[in-house]
Protein backbone atom coordinates (compact mmCIF):
# COMPACT_ATOMS: atom_id res chain seq x y z
CA MET A 1 93.32 81.70 103.50
CA ALA A 2 92.97 83.30 100.08
CA GLY A 3 95.68 81.03 98.78
CA MET A 4 93.92 77.96 100.14
CA ARG A 5 90.67 78.98 98.48
CA ALA A 6 92.50 79.66 95.22
CA ALA A 7 94.19 76.26 95.32
CA SER A 8 90.86 74.49 95.76
CA ARG A 9 88.77 76.63 93.40
CA GLY A 10 91.07 77.19 90.43
CA THR A 11 90.04 76.37 86.91
CA VAL A 12 91.59 72.99 87.59
CA PRO A 13 91.72 72.48 91.37
CA SER A 14 95.04 71.06 92.45
CA PRO A 15 94.99 68.74 95.46
CA LYS A 16 98.80 68.73 95.47
CA ALA A 17 98.97 72.54 95.50
CA GLU A 18 96.40 72.65 98.29
CA ALA A 19 98.34 70.12 100.38
CA LEU A 20 101.65 71.94 99.79
CA LEU A 21 100.16 75.28 100.70
CA ARG A 22 98.51 73.88 103.85
CA ALA A 23 101.81 72.34 104.98
CA CYS A 24 103.66 75.60 104.36
CA LEU A 25 101.06 77.63 106.21
CA ASP A 26 101.30 75.19 109.12
CA LEU A 27 105.06 75.82 109.29
CA VAL A 28 104.57 79.58 109.27
CA GLU A 29 101.86 79.26 111.91
CA HIS A 30 104.27 77.25 114.08
CA LEU A 31 106.82 80.08 113.84
CA VAL A 32 104.16 82.63 114.78
CA ARG A 33 103.24 80.69 117.91
CA GLN A 34 106.89 80.70 118.95
CA SER A 35 107.55 84.23 117.76
CA LEU A 36 109.61 85.26 120.79
CA ASP A 37 111.85 82.21 120.52
CA VAL A 38 112.29 81.94 116.74
CA THR A 39 115.88 81.40 115.68
CA SER A 40 117.42 82.35 112.37
CA ALA A 41 118.03 78.63 111.72
CA GLU A 42 114.29 77.94 112.00
CA VAL A 43 113.54 80.79 109.62
CA GLU A 44 116.14 79.51 107.15
CA THR A 45 114.74 75.98 107.27
CA THR A 46 111.17 77.16 106.81
CA LEU A 47 112.21 79.52 104.04
CA GLY A 48 113.92 76.66 102.21
CA VAL A 49 110.82 74.49 102.48
CA LEU A 50 108.56 77.29 101.22
CA GLU A 51 110.85 78.09 98.30
CA GLN A 52 110.95 74.42 97.30
CA ALA A 53 107.16 74.16 97.58
CA TYR A 54 106.79 77.31 95.47
CA GLY A 55 108.98 75.81 92.77
CA GLU A 56 106.95 72.60 92.77
CA MET A 57 103.64 74.46 92.62
CA GLU A 58 104.83 76.73 89.84
CA ALA A 59 106.09 73.75 87.83
CA GLU A 60 102.79 71.89 88.29
CA VAL A 61 100.48 74.81 87.60
CA GLY A 62 102.67 76.46 84.98
CA THR A 63 101.28 79.88 85.76
CA THR A 64 100.78 82.23 88.66
CA ASN A 65 97.57 81.73 90.63
CA GLY A 66 96.26 82.71 94.04
CA ALA A 67 98.03 79.84 95.77
CA THR A 68 101.43 80.66 94.31
CA VAL A 69 100.93 84.35 95.07
CA ALA A 70 100.09 83.51 98.70
CA LEU A 71 103.19 81.35 98.97
CA LYS A 72 105.36 84.04 97.39
CA ASN A 73 103.99 86.55 99.94
CA ALA A 74 104.85 84.19 102.80
CA ILE A 75 108.37 83.81 101.39
CA GLY A 76 108.71 87.59 101.30
CA ARG A 77 107.64 87.88 104.92
CA LEU A 78 110.09 85.22 106.01
CA LYS A 79 112.89 87.01 104.16
CA ALA A 80 111.97 90.21 106.01
CA LEU A 81 112.00 88.31 109.30
CA ARG A 82 115.41 86.88 108.42
CA LEU A 83 116.73 90.42 107.91
CA GLU A 84 115.23 91.49 111.25
CA LEU A 85 116.87 88.60 113.05
CA THR A 86 120.28 89.25 111.52
CA ALA A 87 120.05 92.95 112.43
CA LYS A 88 119.70 92.14 116.14
């Protein structure tokens, strides 16, 4: 939520950043709803999408802001989940 607010209230609000962040959060939310049945392939796919979105946001904004920080945190959590799944 903080990332969404940051994307819409930055010095120059970015509709593209807001849309990218919303789509990424929707993907993560989908994984949470299926948490017992999440496969490593789903995590990998979602992680790839989030990393690509992060690169696009960073290129557009040119600096770190709340939205990019939120996305980077989500990427970190997915990487931790990936490690958990491979350890099983």
